[in-house]
Amino acid sequence: MSPSDPLTVLEDSLRGAPIIWKGDYPYFIHPISDGIPRMDADVLRATSDLIVEMVNWSEIDLIVSVEAMGLPLLAAVGGATGKPTVVIRKRSYGMDGEVRVDVSTGYSQSTAYINDIKAGERLLVVDDVISTGGTLEPLLEALEGMGAILQNIIVAIEKGEGCERLARERPNWPISTLAKIDIIDGKVEIVE
């Protein structure tokens, strides 16, 4: 692979990402997942390009992501494809049909609110990271419960066992990831 290969660009940007500990949870810090350190435009472009290449766009009506760190990917992919986008927010707007979803990560719990998703719409769900699956799983269940069709689910960075667990427990969900990492001896390593 050449240095300009999008996957190489993303993986190279992950190597050496800083690690902080939230209790017993090793948390890596990367511009795709945290907005810091500053993001090189090539990393966002490479990540967006990888997502765009993976999808049959004639089968997608709407691109959906969760604030806050799904937003750069949502904007980049929406801009590249011309498809409309919806953000799952962390605050309620009280709109007709709003769905409340409780989510939990490896280190926190929160509530998300889904608006403006119509039954029968074919969705591409994009997200920055999957580790435990505690955020993605309840959101996907809620989207399905609203009658949306989960056409593609693409997560930029996979860490931990959440994706494998969801693949076993929910094999009908078409989840793909771009780069898989592990934290070994306090450093981010790419898992091949």
Foldseek 3Di string as FASTA:
>chain_A
DDCLQLLNVQQVQQFPFAWDDQDPDTDGDGCLAHVPPPDDVSNLVSLLVVVLVVDPCVQAQEEEEEPDSCVSSQVSNCVVPVHHYDYWYQDDPPDPPKDKFWFADPRGIGITIDDDQAAPGEYEYEEAEDAQCRHVVRVVVVSVVRNYHDNHYEYAEYEHCNVVVCCVVPVVHHYDYSWYWYQDPRTIDTDD
